[in-house]
Amino acid sequence: MVRKTQTIITLALIFSVVGIAGALDATITDMRGKVELRTSENAPWAAAEVGTVVPVGAMISTSFNASATIQVGESVVEVAQLTRMQIEELVTEAGTDRSGINLPVGRISANVRGTGGNRAEFQVRSPIATASVRGTDFSFDGANLSVAEGIVILANRFNEAVSVAQGEQSSAAGDGAPEQPSESAESGSTVTISVGPGAEQPTVQTSDSGGLTINWRILQ
């Protein structure tokens, strides 16, 4: 009789643990210009639409003057022009919303929030550096990081890391350790562009009014 009771308790615990895990949804809520989606490495590129659900493993591509907004649970990811971004992980487990993004080239901005009181863990990985956050507002182009709210950990491929807080910025390039954080410049006074694989060096022109014209062509 004792053995049967132990078996029932063990099974109940297993079912309880399994029930904790779930999937987050990533949905395109807004877009402009040419935005394409590829659901897997071997799948063809297709035009994205507002309302499209982006599965794990999918790659999003934005052309010149294009952008997309993606809702990931309660988090919002803004995908800038000339960006390729892949969803690597979307899961809710043990009170934590965990999202993972691969950013081969381009720039994203994210406002990271947990759903229903969950803690949010959000990681963006690039060929150069990785930005890991827990509930914050930041912009990252694969090498350069600017934090508007909260704290972001920026690490290179050797796991050398710095903590970047609200109003600070840092960058990681090559094999060197990430730069010590510095205060962000006033909005609109600087522009930082990261060149990833398959992209030409962009040219930046300033106008008398202080505006910027950026020309950047992705190579096939």
Protein backbone atom coordinates (compact mmCIF):
# COMPACT_ATOMS: atom_id res chain seq x y z
CA MET A 1 0.00 0.00 0.00
CA VAL A 2 2.82 2.40 0.79
CA ARG A 3 4.46 1.78 -2.59
CA LYS A 4 1.27 2.69 -4.47
CA THR A 5 0.96 5.95 -2.55
CA GLN A 6 4.54 6.90 -3.38
CA THR A 7 3.94 6.18 -7.07
CA ILE A 8 0.87 8.40 -7.18
CA ILE A 9 2.69 11.26 -5.45
CA THR A 10 5.63 11.00 -7.86
CA LEU A 11 3.38 11.12 -10.92
CA ALA A 12 1.53 14.10 -9.51
CA LEU A 13 4.79 15.98 -9.08
CA ILE A 14 5.85 15.21 -12.67
CA PHE A 15 2.57 16.47 -14.07
CA SER A 16 2.84 19.58 -11.92
CA VAL A 17 6.31 20.42 -13.27
CA VAL A 18 5.25 19.81 -16.87
CA GLY A 19 2.29 22.11 -16.42
CA ILE A 20 4.52 25.03 -15.47
CA ALA A 21 6.13 25.39 -18.91
CA GLY A 22 4.39 27.13 -21.79
CA ALA A 23 5.09 29.10 -24.94
CA LEU A 24 5.09 32.85 -25.49
CA ASP A 25 3.54 34.26 -28.65
CA ALA A 26 5.43 36.62 -30.98
CA THR A 27 3.11 38.57 -33.28
CA ILE A 28 3.72 41.36 -35.78
CA THR A 29 1.48 44.22 -34.62
CA ASP A 30 2.70 46.99 -36.91
CA MET A 31 4.95 47.38 -39.95
CA ARG A 32 5.83 49.67 -42.81
CA GLY A 33 7.73 49.08 -46.03
CA LYS A 34 9.00 45.72 -47.20
CA VAL A 35 9.11 43.22 -44.34
CA GLU A 36 9.70 39.53 -45.09
CA LEU A 37 9.53 36.37 -43.01
CA ARG A 38 11.25 32.99 -43.41
CA THR A 39 9.95 30.29 -41.07
CA SER A 40 13.08 28.10 -41.35
CA GLU A 41 16.51 28.14 -42.97
CA ASN A 42 15.31 26.22 -46.04
CA ALA A 43 11.92 27.93 -46.37
CA PRO A 44 11.31 30.65 -48.96
CA TRP A 45 10.99 34.30 -47.99
CA ALA A 46 7.39 35.53 -47.87
CA ALA A 47 5.82 38.94 -47.33
CA ALA A 48 4.90 39.51 -43.68
CA GLU A 49 1.60 41.01 -42.59
CA VAL A 50 0.21 42.62 -39.45
CA GLY A 51 -1.15 39.79 -37.33
CA THR A 52 1.42 37.24 -38.52
CA VAL A 53 2.56 34.96 -35.70
CA VAL A 54 6.34 34.52 -35.74
CA PRO A 55 7.37 31.00 -34.67
CA VAL A 56 10.62 29.99 -33.00
CA GLY A 57 13.32 29.61 -35.64
CA ALA A 58 11.81 32.20 -37.98
CA MET A 59 13.88 35.03 -39.47
CA ILE A 60 12.52 38.53 -40.06
CA SER A 61 14.08 40.81 -42.67
CA THR A 62 13.39 44.54 -43.15
CA SER A 63 14.43 46.45 -46.26
CA PHE A 64 15.49 50.10 -46.60
CA ASN A 65 13.00 52.46 -44.92
CA ALA A 66 11.07 49.47 -43.53
CA SER A 67 10.36 48.55 -39.92
CA ALA A 68 8.28 46.14 -37.86
CA THR A 69 6.86 45.98 -34.35
CA ILE A 70 6.66 42.58 -32.70
CA GLN A 71 4.71 41.85 -29.52
CA VAL A 72 6.36 39.09 -27.46
CA GLY A 73 4.06 38.47 -24.52
CA GLU A 74 3.99 41.89 -22.85
CA SER A 75 7.34 42.90 -24.37
CA VAL A 76 7.57 45.04 -27.51
CA VAL A 77 10.43 44.71 -30.02
CA GLU A 78 10.97 47.42 -32.64
CA VAL A 79 12.89 46.08 -35.66
CA ALA A 80 14.68 48.85 -37.55
CA GLN A 81 15.38 49.05 -41.27
CA LEU A 82 18.02 46.80 -42.85
CA THR A 83 17.79 44.28 -40.04
CA ARG A 84 17.71 40.51 -39.96
CA MET A 85 16.45 39.06 -36.69
CA GLN A 86 15.77 35.45 -35.74
CA ILE A 87 13.54 34.24 -32.90
CA GLU A 88 15.52 31.59 -30.98
CA GLU A 89 13.47 31.05 -27.82
CA LEU A 90 9.96 31.82 -26.55
CA VAL A 91 8.97 30.09 -23.34
CA THR A 92 7.23 30.71 -20.03
CA GLU A 93 8.48 28.52 -17.21
CA ALA A 94 8.39 28.70 -13.41
CA GLY A 95 7.19 32.31 -13.33
CA THR A 96 9.67 33.55 -15.94
CA ASP A 97 9.06 34.72 -19.52
CA ARG A 98 12.24 33.84 -21.42
CA SER A 99 12.90 35.21 -24.92
CA GLY A 100 15.97 34.75 -27.11
CA ILE A 101 16.82 36.64 -30.30
CA ASN A 102 19.69 36.27 -32.78
CA LEU A 103 20.67 39.54 -34.48
CA PRO A 104 23.08 38.87 -37.40
CA VAL A 105 22.81 42.42 -38.71
CA GLY A 106 20.84 45.59 -37.97
CA ARG A 107 19.29 47.17 -34.91
CA ILE A 108 16.40 46.52 -32.55
CA SER A 109 14.88 48.42 -29.65
CA ALA A 110 13.00 46.53 -26.97
CA ASN A 111 10.75 47.35 -24.04
CA VAL A 112 10.89 44.17 -21.95
CA ARG A 113 8.07 43.30 -19.56
CA GLY A 114 6.85 40.04 -18.00
CA THR A 115 3.28 38.78 -18.41
CA GLY A 116 0.91 38.47 -15.46
CA GLY A 117 3.53 39.28 -12.85
CA ASN A 118 6.17 36.96 -14.37
CA ARG A 119 9.81 37.96 -14.43
CA ALA A 120 11.12 38.70 -17.93
CA GLU A 121 14.48 37.40 -19.18
CA PHE A 122 15.36 38.71 -22.63
CA GLN A 123 18.59 37.92 -24.50
CA VAL A 124 19.83 39.31 -27.81
CA ARG A 125 22.82 37.55 -29.38
CA SER A 126 24.96 38.88 -32.23
CA PRO A 127 28.23 37.70 -33.84
CA ILE A 128 30.04 40.21 -31.61
CA ALA A 129 28.23 40.49 -28.30
CA THR A 130 25.24 39.41 -26.22
CA ALA A 131 22.85 41.70 -24.34
CA SER A 132 20.89 40.12 -21.47
CA VAL A 133 18.14 42.00 -19.66
CA ARG A 134 15.43 41.49 -17.04
CA GLY A 135 12.70 44.03 -17.61
CA THR A 136 14.06 47.18 -19.24
CA ASP A 137 14.07 49.48 -22.26
CA PHE A 138 17.12 49.43 -24.55
CA SER A 139 18.49 49.70 -28.09
CA PHE A 140 21.09 47.27 -29.49
CA ASP A 141 22.68 46.87 -32.92
CA GLY A 142 24.82 43.82 -32.26
CA ALA A 143 27.78 45.77 -30.89
CA ASN A 144 26.52 49.06 -29.46
CA LEU A 145 24.09 49.27 -26.56
CA SER A 146 22.09 52.20 -25.19
CA VAL A 147 19.85 51.76 -22.14
CA ALA A 148 16.80 53.97 -21.55
CA GLU A 149 15.50 52.16 -18.46
CA GLY A 150 16.68 49.36 -16.18
CA ILE A 151 19.98 47.46 -16.38
CA VAL A 152 21.45 45.44 -19.27
CA ILE A 153 24.43 43.06 -19.11
CA LEU A 154 26.62 43.34 -22.22
CA ALA A 155 29.09 40.48 -22.75
CA ASN A 156 31.52 39.50 -25.49
CA ARG A 157 32.13 35.94 -26.70
CA PHE A 158 34.63 35.37 -23.87
CA ASN A 159 31.93 36.23 -21.30
CA GLU A 160 33.71 39.44 -20.31
CA ALA A 161 30.80 41.62 -19.26
CA VAL A 162 29.80 45.06 -18.07
CA SER A 163 26.56 46.23 -16.48
CA VAL A 164 24.96 49.13 -18.33
CA ALA A 165 22.34 51.13 -16.42
CA GLN A 166 19.68 53.67 -17.34
CA GLY A 167 21.10 56.59 -19.34
CA GLU A 168 24.36 54.76 -20.11
CA GLN A 169 25.83 53.21 -23.23
CA SER A 170 28.57 50.72 -24.02
CA SER A 171 29.93 48.76 -26.97
CA ALA A 172 31.81 45.55 -27.71
CA ALA A 173 33.94 45.11 -30.80
CA GLY A 174 36.41 42.47 -31.90
CA ASP A 175 37.89 40.39 -29.11
CA GLY A 176 38.22 43.21 -26.59
CA ALA A 177 36.19 43.48 -23.41
CA PRO A 178 33.06 45.66 -23.57
CA GLU A 179 33.69 49.33 -22.90
CA GLN A 180 32.95 50.71 -19.48
CA PRO A 181 29.55 52.43 -19.60
CA SER A 182 29.34 56.14 -20.31
CA GLU A 183 26.40 58.51 -20.20
CA SER A 184 24.32 58.55 -23.38
CA ALA A 185 24.49 61.65 -25.53
CA GLU A 186 21.43 63.81 -25.98
CA SER A 187 18.79 62.28 -28.20
CA GLY A 188 19.43 62.95 -31.87
CA SER A 189 22.98 64.26 -31.44
CA THR A 190 24.74 61.03 -32.43
CA VAL A 191 24.10 58.00 -34.59
CA THR A 192 25.74 54.61 -34.24
CA ILE A 193 25.65 52.06 -37.07
CA SER A 194 26.84 48.46 -36.90
CA VAL A 195 27.92 46.70 -40.08
CA GLY A 196 27.25 42.97 -40.00
CA PRO A 197 28.01 40.14 -42.43
CA GLY A 198 26.75 40.79 -45.94
CA ALA A 199 26.50 44.58 -45.67
CA GLU A 200 28.50 47.39 -47.23
CA GLN A 201 29.98 50.14 -45.11
CA PRO A 202 27.13 52.70 -44.84
CA THR A 203 27.61 56.36 -45.68
CA VAL A 204 26.17 59.01 -43.41
CA GLN A 205 25.46 62.56 -44.56
CA THR A 206 24.37 65.41 -42.30
CA SER A 207 22.15 68.27 -43.41
CA ASP A 208 22.14 71.91 -42.31
CA SER A 209 19.07 71.19 -40.19
CA GLY A 210 20.90 68.43 -38.35
CA GLY A 211 19.10 65.58 -40.08
CA LEU A 212 20.78 62.40 -41.25
CA THR A 213 20.68 60.53 -44.54
CA ILE A 214 21.88 56.94 -44.30
CA ASN A 215 22.63 54.88 -47.41
CA TRP A 216 23.15 51.19 -46.73
CA ARG A 217 22.76 48.36 -49.24
CA ILE A 218 22.64 44.70 -48.22
CA LEU A 219 24.75 42.53 -50.52
CA GLN A 220 23.26 39.27 -51.83
